[in-house]
Amino acid sequence: MTTVTAPVTPRERVTRLAAAHITALQRGYLTDQSHAVAALARLRRGAGRPAGQLPDLWALIDTGPLHDTPQGSRPLSESELTRSEDALHVALTLYALHQQSRRTGMYQADRPDRRRGLGSAVRRMMKPGEIDEPVHKRLVRAGTAPDLPVLAQRLRDIVVLLRREDIPLDHALLAGQLYTWQWPGGADTVRREWGRSFHAWHGKPTPAGSDSTSTTDTDKDAS
């Protein structure tokens, strides 16, 4: 019996590449490797800004794997490549901002028993059983952004709050969502995903930093 493997979608390719980049950066940063510390400092300058404004960052975000063609898949079109590159830029620069001055990993993979999507992260900033309208409004405003530069800026504001509260996020998942968001009808899809993630969080808040992982655990979860 022949097993048919489904082609890897462009969104999946963006998500996997973001996870690979962020895992390596996070591992290096948490072990105080100078190249990773310097890379995050440079990437932070791009948080909330369009990809083309800072050519200095091009060498830090290796998009070469997007030009490869996995078995059973097709080459990405020019429009797919552009959207993929822009999504990676936003996600990686936001991660760099999120990780700043934090000694535990702010990137953690989303999974059924540990929700780390954007909606869940925003929900965790609220008291159990209550909706903090100003915080919730930030998520709503992000979902209604008219274009990617505005969305990136509004997400930057959310990430600053998450960093303050030591709440981690799946930035690789976010990268895939940012890719989808740029296509016609994609914003509706992503808004539904953020809303579902928001309502998926039912846990009680834990003391700051207590559910963050050590370097070893973070690397395992992010792989």
C-alpha atoms as a PDB file:
ATOM      1  CA  MET A   1       0.000   0.000   0.000  1.00  0.00           C
ATOM      2  CA  THR A   2       1.424   3.343  -1.071  1.00  0.00           C
ATOM      3  CA  THR A   3       1.286   6.201   1.429  1.00  0.00           C
ATOM      4  CA  VAL A   4       0.459   9.529  -0.166  1.00  0.00           C
ATOM      5  CA  THR A   5       2.101  12.493   1.555  1.00  0.00           C
ATOM      6  CA  ALA A   6       0.228  15.760   1.336  1.00  0.00           C
ATOM      7  CA  PRO A   7       2.259  18.590  -0.212  1.00  0.00           C
ATOM      8  CA  VAL A   8       3.685  21.112   2.232  1.00  0.00           C
ATOM      9  CA  THR A   9       1.668  24.310   1.902  1.00  0.00           C
ATOM     10  CA  PRO A  10       3.352  27.732   1.653  1.00  0.00           C
ATOM     11  CA  ARG A  11       1.994  28.625   5.090  1.00  0.00           C
ATOM     12  CA  GLU A  12       3.499  25.484   6.599  1.00  0.00           C
ATOM     13  CA  ARG A  13       6.828  26.321   5.006  1.00  0.00           C
ATOM     14  CA  VAL A  14       6.744  29.802   6.535  1.00  0.00           C
ATOM     15  CA  THR A  15       5.825  28.399   9.951  1.00  0.00           C
ATOM     16  CA  ARG A  16       8.590  25.787   9.897  1.00  0.00           C
ATOM     17  CA  LEU A  17      11.226  28.242   8.736  1.00  0.00           C
ATOM     18  CA  ALA A  18      10.224  30.744  11.420  1.00  0.00           C
ATOM     19  CA  ALA A  19      10.417  28.002  14.060  1.00  0.00           C
ATOM     20  CA  ALA A  20      13.902  26.992  12.899  1.00  0.00           C
ATOM     21  CA  HIS A  21      15.203  30.564  12.968  1.00  0.00           C
ATOM     22  CA  ILE A  22      13.648  31.459  16.310  1.00  0.00           C
ATOM     23  CA  THR A  23      14.713  28.217  17.991  1.00  0.00           C
ATOM     24  CA  ALA A  24      18.336  28.861  17.034  1.00  0.00           C
ATOM     25  CA  LEU A  25      18.203  32.506  18.093  1.00  0.00           C
ATOM     26  CA  GLN A  26      16.546  31.687  21.402  1.00  0.00           C
ATOM     27  CA  ARG A  27      19.010  28.932  22.220  1.00  0.00           C
ATOM     28  CA  GLY A  28      21.903  31.267  21.510  1.00  0.00           C
ATOM     29  CA  TYR A  29      20.421  34.173  23.433  1.00  0.00           C
ATOM     30  CA  LEU A  30      19.626  32.118  26.539  1.00  0.00           C
ATOM     31  CA  THR A  31      23.175  30.756  26.602  1.00  0.00           C
ATOM     32  CA  ASP A  32      24.557  34.280  26.130  1.00  0.00           C
ATOM     33  CA  GLN A  33      26.183  33.644  22.769  1.00  0.00           C
ATOM     34  CA  SER A  34      27.392  36.975  21.453  1.00  0.00           C
ATOM     35  CA  HIS A  35      26.214  36.439  17.868  1.00  0.00           C
ATOM     36  CA  ALA A  36      22.647  35.710  19.010  1.00  0.00           C
ATOM     37  CA  VAL A  37      22.558  38.630  21.442  1.00  0.00           C
ATOM     38  CA  ALA A  38      23.754  40.961  18.679  1.00  0.00           C
ATOM     39  CA  ALA A  39      21.305  39.505  16.151  1.00  0.00           C
ATOM     40  CA  LEU A  40      18.324  40.070  18.434  1.00  0.00           C
ATOM     41  CA  ALA A  41      19.443  43.631  19.123  1.00  0.00           C
ATOM     42  CA  ARG A  42      19.513  44.318  15.382  1.00  0.00           C
ATOM     43  CA  LEU A  43      16.202  42.561  14.754  1.00  0.00           C
ATOM     44  CA  ARG A  44      14.459  44.582  17.449  1.00  0.00           C
ATOM     45  CA  ARG A  45      15.022  47.700  15.392  1.00  0.00           C
ATOM     46  CA  GLY A  46      12.701  46.281  12.763  1.00  0.00           C
ATOM     47  CA  ALA A  47       9.762  45.530  15.075  1.00  0.00           C
ATOM     48  CA  GLY A  48       6.685  47.279  13.736  1.00  0.00           C
ATOM     49  CA  ARG A  49       8.474  48.505  10.603  1.00  0.00           C
ATOM     50  CA  PRO A  50       8.142  47.293   6.979  1.00  0.00           C
ATOM     51  CA  ALA A  51      10.721  44.755   5.825  1.00  0.00           C
ATOM     52  CA  GLY A  52      12.182  46.988   3.126  1.00  0.00           C
ATOM     53  CA  GLN A  53      13.088  49.837   5.464  1.00  0.00           C
ATOM     54  CA  LEU A  54      16.082  48.101   7.053  1.00  0.00           C
ATOM     55  CA  PRO A  55      18.343  46.364   4.511  1.00  0.00           C
ATOM     56  CA  ASP A  56      20.691  45.643   7.415  1.00  0.00           C
ATOM     57  CA  LEU A  57      18.305  42.891   8.508  1.00  0.00           C
ATOM     58  CA  TRP A  58      18.252  41.013   5.220  1.00  0.00           C
ATOM     59  CA  ALA A  59      21.305  38.971   6.146  1.00  0.00           C
ATOM     60  CA  LEU A  60      19.761  38.020   9.509  1.00  0.00           C
ATOM     61  CA  ILE A  61      16.609  36.452   8.080  1.00  0.00           C
ATOM     62  CA  ASP A  62      17.674  33.652   5.761  1.00  0.00           C
ATOM     63  CA  THR A  63      14.817  33.056   3.349  1.00  0.00           C
ATOM     64  CA  GLY A  64      16.881  30.724   1.160  1.00  0.00           C
ATOM     65  CA  PRO A  65      14.862  27.607   2.137  1.00  0.00           C
ATOM     66  CA  LEU A  66      11.775  29.225   0.609  1.00  0.00           C
ATOM     67  CA  HIS A  67      13.428  28.895  -2.786  1.00  0.00           C
ATOM     68  CA  ASP A  68      13.876  25.135  -2.351  1.00  0.00           C
ATOM     69  CA  THR A  69      11.091  22.830  -3.458  1.00  0.00           C
ATOM     70  CA  PRO A  70      10.171  20.043  -1.006  1.00  0.00           C
ATOM     71  CA  GLN A  71       9.332  16.688  -2.539  1.00  0.00           C
ATOM     72  CA  GLY A  72       5.769  16.650  -3.788  1.00  0.00           C
ATOM     73  CA  SER A  73       5.445  20.424  -3.631  1.00  0.00           C
ATOM     74  CA  ARG A  74       5.813  23.148  -6.243  1.00  0.00           C
ATOM     75  CA  PRO A  75       8.056  26.218  -6.306  1.00  0.00           C
ATOM     76  CA  LEU A  76       6.599  29.285  -4.626  1.00  0.00           C
ATOM     77  CA  SER A  77       5.349  32.020  -6.923  1.00  0.00           C
ATOM     78  CA  GLU A  78       6.715  35.542  -6.724  1.00  0.00           C
ATOM     79  CA  SER A  79       3.685  36.743  -4.752  1.00  0.00           C
ATOM     80  CA  GLU A  80       3.969  33.803  -2.359  1.00  0.00           C
ATOM     81  CA  LEU A  81       7.659  34.520  -1.823  1.00  0.00           C
ATOM     82  CA  THR A  82       7.008  38.194  -1.115  1.00  0.00           C
ATOM     83  CA  ARG A  83       4.280  37.440   1.402  1.00  0.00           C
ATOM     84  CA  SER A  84       6.409  34.747   3.018  1.00  0.00           C
ATOM     85  CA  GLU A  85       9.373  37.101   3.402  1.00  0.00           C
ATOM     86  CA  ASP A  86       7.207  39.840   4.874  1.00  0.00           C
ATOM     87  CA  ALA A  87       5.574  37.425   7.328  1.00  0.00           C
ATOM     88  CA  LEU A  88       8.970  36.146   8.477  1.00  0.00           C
ATOM     89  CA  HIS A  89      10.264  39.685   8.946  1.00  0.00           C
ATOM     90  CA  VAL A  90       7.349  40.692  11.159  1.00  0.00           C
ATOM     91  CA  ALA A  91       7.389  37.486  13.228  1.00  0.00           C
ATOM     92  CA  LEU A  92      11.157  37.432  13.848  1.00  0.00           C
ATOM     93  CA  THR A  93      11.415  41.119  14.721  1.00  0.00           C
ATOM     94  CA  LEU A  94       8.488  40.786  17.136  1.00  0.00           C
ATOM     95  CA  TYR A  95      10.161  37.781  18.735  1.00  0.00           C
ATOM     96  CA  ALA A  96      13.366  39.788  19.185  1.00  0.00           C
ATOM     97  CA  LEU A  97      11.397  42.521  20.932  1.00  0.00           C
ATOM     98  CA  HIS A  98       9.549  39.973  23.087  1.00  0.00           C
ATOM     99  CA  GLN A  99      12.760  38.241  24.204  1.00  0.00           C
ATOM    100  CA  GLN A 100      14.566  41.467  25.152  1.00  0.00           C
ATOM    101  CA  SER A 101      16.015  41.295  28.689  1.00  0.00           C
ATOM    102  CA  ARG A 102      14.198  38.012  29.416  1.00  0.00           C
ATOM    103  CA  ARG A 103      16.239  35.018  30.604  1.00  0.00           C
ATOM    104  CA  THR A 104      13.568  32.431  29.825  1.00  0.00           C
ATOM    105  CA  GLY A 105      12.272  31.638  26.367  1.00  0.00           C
ATOM    106  CA  MET A 106       9.462  33.867  25.167  1.00  0.00           C
ATOM    107  CA  TYR A 107       8.944  31.564  22.185  1.00  0.00           C
ATOM    108  CA  GLN A 108       7.023  28.432  23.077  1.00  0.00           C
ATOM    109  CA  ALA A 109       5.210  26.182  20.632  1.00  0.00           C
ATOM    110  CA  ASP A 110       1.430  26.049  20.772  1.00  0.00           C
ATOM    111  CA  ARG A 111      -0.040  22.631  21.477  1.00  0.00           C
ATOM    112  CA  PRO A 112      -3.374  21.271  22.781  1.00  0.00           C
ATOM    113  CA  ASP A 113      -2.218  20.995  26.398  1.00  0.00           C
ATOM    114  CA  ARG A 114      -0.378  24.327  26.371  1.00  0.00           C
ATOM    115  CA  ARG A 115      -1.954  27.086  24.317  1.00  0.00           C
ATOM    116  CA  ARG A 116       0.496  29.709  23.106  1.00  0.00           C
ATOM    117  CA  GLY A 117      -1.406  31.359  20.249  1.00  0.00           C
ATOM    118  CA  LEU A 118      -1.894  35.112  20.141  1.00  0.00           C
ATOM    119  CA  GLY A 119      -5.473  34.993  21.423  1.00  0.00           C
ATOM    120  CA  SER A 120      -4.526  32.809  24.386  1.00  0.00           C
ATOM    121  CA  ALA A 121      -1.564  35.043  25.204  1.00  0.00           C
ATOM    122  CA  VAL A 122      -3.816  38.113  25.275  1.00  0.00           C
ATOM    123  CA  ARG A 123      -6.385  36.249  27.407  1.00  0.00           C
ATOM    124  CA  ARG A 124      -3.704  35.380  29.945  1.00  0.00           C
ATOM    125  CA  MET A 125      -3.179  39.066  30.656  1.00  0.00           C
ATOM    126  CA  MET A 126      -6.715  39.196  32.078  1.00  0.00           C
ATOM    127  CA  LYS A 127      -8.036  38.038  35.427  1.00  0.00           C
ATOM    128  CA  PRO A 128      -9.861  34.677  35.392  1.00  0.00           C
ATOM    129  CA  GLY A 129     -13.496  35.100  34.426  1.00  0.00           C
ATOM    130  CA  GLU A 130     -13.073  38.736  33.456  1.00  0.00           C
ATOM    131  CA  ILE A 131     -12.592  40.520  30.147  1.00  0.00           C
ATOM    132  CA  ASP A 132     -10.209  43.451  30.284  1.00  0.00           C
ATOM    133  CA  GLU A 133     -11.721  45.619  27.573  1.00  0.00           C
ATOM    134  CA  PRO A 134      -8.640  47.812  26.886  1.00  0.00           C
ATOM    135  CA  VAL A 135      -6.489  44.696  26.434  1.00  0.00           C
ATOM    136  CA  HIS A 136      -9.140  42.907  24.399  1.00  0.00           C
ATOM    137  CA  LYS A 137      -9.507  45.978  22.209  1.00  0.00           C
ATOM    138  CA  ARG A 138      -5.841  45.719  21.231  1.00  0.00           C
ATOM    139  CA  LEU A 139      -6.455  42.243  19.821  1.00  0.00           C
ATOM    140  CA  VAL A 140      -9.553  43.449  17.980  1.00  0.00           C
ATOM    141  CA  ARG A 141      -7.649  46.423  16.523  1.00  0.00           C
ATOM    142  CA  ALA A 142      -4.891  44.098  15.327  1.00  0.00           C
ATOM    143  CA  GLY A 143      -7.452  41.961  13.547  1.00  0.00           C
ATOM    144  CA  THR A 144      -8.945  44.973  11.766  1.00  0.00           C
ATOM    145  CA  ALA A 145      -5.639  46.470  10.585  1.00  0.00           C
ATOM    146  CA  PRO A 146      -5.919  47.709   6.974  1.00  0.00           C
ATOM    147  CA  ASP A 147      -2.507  46.453   5.876  1.00  0.00           C
ATOM    148  CA  LEU A 148       0.543  44.549   7.095  1.00  0.00           C
ATOM    149  CA  PRO A 149       2.589  47.585   8.275  1.00  0.00           C
ATOM    150  CA  VAL A 150      -0.297  48.720  10.488  1.00  0.00           C
ATOM    151  CA  LEU A 151      -0.835  45.161  11.715  1.00  0.00           C
ATOM    152  CA  ALA A 152       2.856  44.876  12.575  1.00  0.00           C
ATOM    153  CA  GLN A 153       2.697  48.062  14.643  1.00  0.00           C
ATOM    154  CA  ARG A 154      -0.409  46.947  16.511  1.00  0.00           C
ATOM    155  CA  LEU A 155       1.136  43.547  17.201  1.00  0.00           C
ATOM    156  CA  ARG A 156       4.234  45.322  18.471  1.00  0.00           C
ATOM    157  CA  ASP A 157       2.104  47.075  21.086  1.00  0.00           C
ATOM    158  CA  ILE A 158       0.665  43.721  22.200  1.00  0.00           C
ATOM    159  CA  VAL A 159       4.094  42.092  22.381  1.00  0.00           C
ATOM    160  CA  VAL A 160       5.366  44.884  24.637  1.00  0.00           C
ATOM    161  CA  LEU A 161       2.563  44.040  27.073  1.00  0.00           C
ATOM    162  CA  LEU A 162       3.284  40.306  26.845  1.00  0.00           C
ATOM    163  CA  ARG A 163       6.955  40.921  27.586  1.00  0.00           C
ATOM    164  CA  ARG A 164       6.038  43.009  30.623  1.00  0.00           C
ATOM    165  CA  GLU A 165       3.918  40.130  31.963  1.00  0.00           C
ATOM    166  CA  ASP A 166       6.430  37.388  30.981  1.00  0.00           C
ATOM    167  CA  ILE A 167       3.808  35.664  28.822  1.00  0.00           C
ATOM    168  CA  PRO A 168       5.277  33.538  25.992  1.00  0.00           C
ATOM    169  CA  LEU A 169       3.935  33.252  22.452  1.00  0.00           C
ATOM    170  CA  ASP A 170       4.220  30.899  19.486  1.00  0.00           C
ATOM    171  CA  HIS A 171       5.878  33.317  17.064  1.00  0.00           C
ATOM    172  CA  ALA A 172       6.223  30.611  14.409  1.00  0.00           C
ATOM    173  CA  LEU A 173       2.469  30.050  14.426  1.00  0.00           C
ATOM    174  CA  LEU A 174       2.095  33.823  14.190  1.00  0.00           C
ATOM    175  CA  ALA A 175       4.381  33.870  11.137  1.00  0.00           C
ATOM    176  CA  GLY A 176       2.092  31.425   9.354  1.00  0.00           C
ATOM    177  CA  GLN A 177      -0.934  33.497  10.295  1.00  0.00           C
ATOM    178  CA  LEU A 178       0.733  36.648   9.003  1.00  0.00           C
ATOM    179  CA  TYR A 179       1.312  34.868   5.697  1.00  0.00           C
ATOM    180  CA  THR A 180      -2.370  33.896   5.466  1.00  0.00           C
ATOM    181  CA  TRP A 181      -3.514  37.362   6.574  1.00  0.00           C
ATOM    182  CA  GLN A 182      -2.028  38.985   3.440  1.00  0.00           C
ATOM    183  CA  TRP A 183      -4.212  37.071   0.992  1.00  0.00           C
ATOM    184  CA  PRO A 184      -7.777  37.971  -0.002  1.00  0.00           C
ATOM    185  CA  GLY A 185     -10.054  36.633   2.724  1.00  0.00           C
ATOM    186  CA  GLY A 186      -7.043  35.729   4.841  1.00  0.00           C
ATOM    187  CA  ALA A 187      -7.709  38.332   7.503  1.00  0.00           C
ATOM    188  CA  ASP A 188     -11.076  36.694   8.233  1.00  0.00           C
ATOM    189  CA  THR A 189      -9.373  33.314   8.615  1.00  0.00           C
ATOM    190  CA  VAL A 190      -6.758  34.680  10.990  1.00  0.00           C
ATOM    191  CA  ARG A 191      -9.300  36.597  13.052  1.00  0.00           C
ATOM    192  CA  ARG A 192     -11.205  33.350  13.560  1.00  0.00           C
ATOM    193  CA  GLU A 193      -8.001  31.619  14.631  1.00  0.00           C
ATOM    194  CA  TRP A 194      -7.184  34.392  17.108  1.00  0.00           C
ATOM    195  CA  GLY A 195     -10.732  34.321  18.476  1.00  0.00           C
ATOM    196  CA  ARG A 196     -10.631  30.544  18.879  1.00  0.00           C
ATOM    197  CA  SER A 197      -7.275  30.824  20.616  1.00  0.00           C
ATOM    198  CA  PHE A 198      -8.631  33.545  22.917  1.00  0.00           C
ATOM    199  CA  HIS A 199     -11.468  31.299  24.085  1.00  0.00           C
ATOM    200  CA  ALA A 200      -9.248  28.198  24.325  1.00  0.00           C
ATOM    201  CA  TRP A 201      -7.396  29.578  27.346  1.00  0.00           C
ATOM    202  CA  HIS A 202      -9.131  28.482  30.556  1.00  0.00           C
ATOM    203  CA  GLY A 203      -6.216  28.161  32.943  1.00  0.00           C
ATOM    204  CA  LYS A 204      -5.500  30.256  35.987  1.00  0.00           C
ATOM    205  CA  PRO A 205      -2.577  32.672  35.830  1.00  0.00           C
ATOM    206  CA  THR A 206       0.678  31.545  37.395  1.00  0.00           C
ATOM    207  CA  PRO A 207       3.370  33.667  39.019  1.00  0.00           C
ATOM    208  CA  ALA A 208       5.506  35.580  36.538  1.00  0.00           C
ATOM    209  CA  GLY A 209       8.054  33.326  34.884  1.00  0.00           C
ATOM    210  CA  SER A 210       6.847  30.157  36.616  1.00  0.00           C
ATOM    211  CA  ASP A 211       5.580  28.445  33.463  1.00  0.00           C
ATOM    212  CA  SER A 212       8.496  29.518  31.329  1.00  0.00           C
ATOM    213  CA  THR A 213      10.956  26.795  30.576  1.00  0.00           C
ATOM    214  CA  SER A 214      14.635  26.362  31.009  1.00  0.00           C
ATOM    215  CA  THR A 215      16.904  26.475  27.990  1.00  0.00           C
ATOM    216  CA  THR A 216      16.690  22.700  27.549  1.00  0.00           C
ATOM    217  CA  ASP A 217      12.897  22.529  27.850  1.00  0.00           C
ATOM    218  CA  THR A 218      12.392  25.466  25.525  1.00  0.00           C
ATOM    219  CA  ASP A 219      14.573  23.922  22.850  1.00  0.00           C
ATOM    220  CA  LYS A 220      12.663  20.666  23.119  1.00  0.00           C
ATOM    221  CA  ASP A 221       9.255  22.360  22.893  1.00  0.00           C
ATOM    222  CA  ALA A 222      10.250  24.562  19.998  1.00  0.00           C
ATOM    223  CA  SER A 223      11.686  21.773  17.887  1.00  0.00           C
END
